[in-house]
Amino acid sequence: MKKNKKHFHKKWEVSIIELSSSEGKRYKVTRSLPELHVSETKMFNSKKEARNKFNEWLS
């Protein structure tokens, strides 16, 4: 599962990636501003929390 969307005003790129391992699933949510080479990443154990952060960063 990977989704990318661009923020309308700030031109942030936001992505969510599902990572699987022997310990279970984790979700990585990243937002980046490619023009400035700046990014921020958060890791979550819960898909719901990851989705909430993804939606928060888009608004």
C-alpha atoms as a PDB file:
ATOM      1  CA  MET A   1       0.000   0.000   0.000  1.00  0.00           C
ATOM      2  CA  LYS A   2       1.526   3.279  -1.059  1.00  0.00           C
ATOM      3  CA  LYS A   3      -0.235   6.577  -1.616  1.00  0.00           C
ATOM      4  CA  ASN A   4       1.202   9.902  -2.681  1.00  0.00           C
ATOM      5  CA  LYS A   5      -0.646  13.186  -2.777  1.00  0.00           C
ATOM      6  CA  LYS A   6       0.503  16.760  -3.130  1.00  0.00           C
ATOM      7  CA  HIS A   7      -0.654  19.466  -0.759  1.00  0.00           C
ATOM      8  CA  PHE A   8      -2.581  22.091  -2.724  1.00  0.00           C
ATOM      9  CA  HIS A   9      -1.026  25.212  -1.228  1.00  0.00           C
ATOM     10  CA  LYS A  10       2.329  24.274   0.286  1.00  0.00           C
ATOM     11  CA  LYS A  11       3.318  21.668  -2.328  1.00  0.00           C
ATOM     12  CA  TRP A  12       4.080  19.054   0.326  1.00  0.00           C
ATOM     13  CA  GLU A  13       4.279  15.487  -0.913  1.00  0.00           C
ATOM     14  CA  VAL A  14       2.750  13.083   1.615  1.00  0.00           C
ATOM     15  CA  SER A  15       3.115   9.295   1.446  1.00  0.00           C
ATOM     16  CA  ILE A  16       2.051   6.310   3.522  1.00  0.00           C
ATOM     17  CA  ILE A  17       3.812   2.949   3.217  1.00  0.00           C
ATOM     18  CA  GLU A  18       2.975  -0.359   4.878  1.00  0.00           C
ATOM     19  CA  LEU A  19       6.056  -2.260   6.088  1.00  0.00           C
ATOM     20  CA  SER A  20       5.853  -5.956   6.992  1.00  0.00           C
ATOM     21  CA  SER A  21       8.294  -7.985   9.048  1.00  0.00           C
ATOM     22  CA  SER A  22       8.286 -11.046  11.273  1.00  0.00           C
ATOM     23  CA  GLU A  23       7.239  -8.777  14.153  1.00  0.00           C
ATOM     24  CA  GLY A  24       4.119  -7.520  12.317  1.00  0.00           C
ATOM     25  CA  LYS A  25       3.068  -4.541  10.259  1.00  0.00           C
ATOM     26  CA  ARG A  26       4.219  -0.959  10.699  1.00  0.00           C
ATOM     27  CA  TYR A  27       3.210   2.141   8.795  1.00  0.00           C
ATOM     28  CA  LYS A  28       5.558   4.906   7.684  1.00  0.00           C
ATOM     29  CA  VAL A  29       4.084   8.340   6.952  1.00  0.00           C
ATOM     30  CA  THR A  30       6.400  10.856   5.299  1.00  0.00           C
ATOM     31  CA  ARG A  31       5.922  14.400   4.113  1.00  0.00           C
ATOM     32  CA  SER A  32       8.523  16.185   2.055  1.00  0.00           C
ATOM     33  CA  LEU A  33       9.088  19.514   0.396  1.00  0.00           C
ATOM     34  CA  PRO A  34      11.236  18.501  -2.600  1.00  0.00           C
ATOM     35  CA  GLU A  35      12.205  22.052  -3.561  1.00  0.00           C
ATOM     36  CA  LEU A  36      13.945  22.506  -0.206  1.00  0.00           C
ATOM     37  CA  HIS A  37      15.082  18.877   0.295  1.00  0.00           C
ATOM     38  CA  VAL A  38      13.244  18.738   3.627  1.00  0.00           C
ATOM     39  CA  SER A  39      11.274  15.768   4.933  1.00  0.00           C
ATOM     40  CA  GLU A  40       9.661  14.470   8.107  1.00  0.00           C
ATOM     41  CA  THR A  41       8.836  10.820   8.823  1.00  0.00           C
ATOM     42  CA  LYS A  42       6.724   9.201  11.519  1.00  0.00           C
ATOM     43  CA  MET A  43       6.308   5.461  12.213  1.00  0.00           C
ATOM     44  CA  PHE A  44       3.089   3.917  13.555  1.00  0.00           C
ATOM     45  CA  ASN A  45       1.985   0.479  14.737  1.00  0.00           C
ATOM     46  CA  SER A  46      -1.653   1.231  13.955  1.00  0.00           C
ATOM     47  CA  LYS A  47      -3.067   1.850  10.480  1.00  0.00           C
ATOM     48  CA  LYS A  48      -5.682   4.172  12.005  1.00  0.00           C
ATOM     49  CA  GLU A  49      -3.039   6.415  13.615  1.00  0.00           C
ATOM     50  CA  ALA A  50      -1.028   6.469  10.374  1.00  0.00           C
ATOM     51  CA  ARG A  51      -4.116   7.462   8.373  1.00  0.00           C
ATOM     52  CA  ASN A  52      -4.938  10.214  10.875  1.00  0.00           C
ATOM     53  CA  LYS A  53      -1.426  11.702  10.533  1.00  0.00           C
ATOM     54  CA  PHE A  54      -1.602  11.331   6.723  1.00  0.00           C
ATOM     55  CA  ASN A  55      -4.909  13.244   6.618  1.00  0.00           C
ATOM     56  CA  GLU A  56      -3.665  15.848   9.118  1.00  0.00           C
ATOM     57  CA  TRP A  57      -0.634  16.613   6.955  1.00  0.00           C
ATOM     58  CA  LEU A  58      -2.830  16.984   3.867  1.00  0.00           C
ATOM     59  CA  SER A  59      -5.063  19.593   5.518  1.00  0.00           C
END
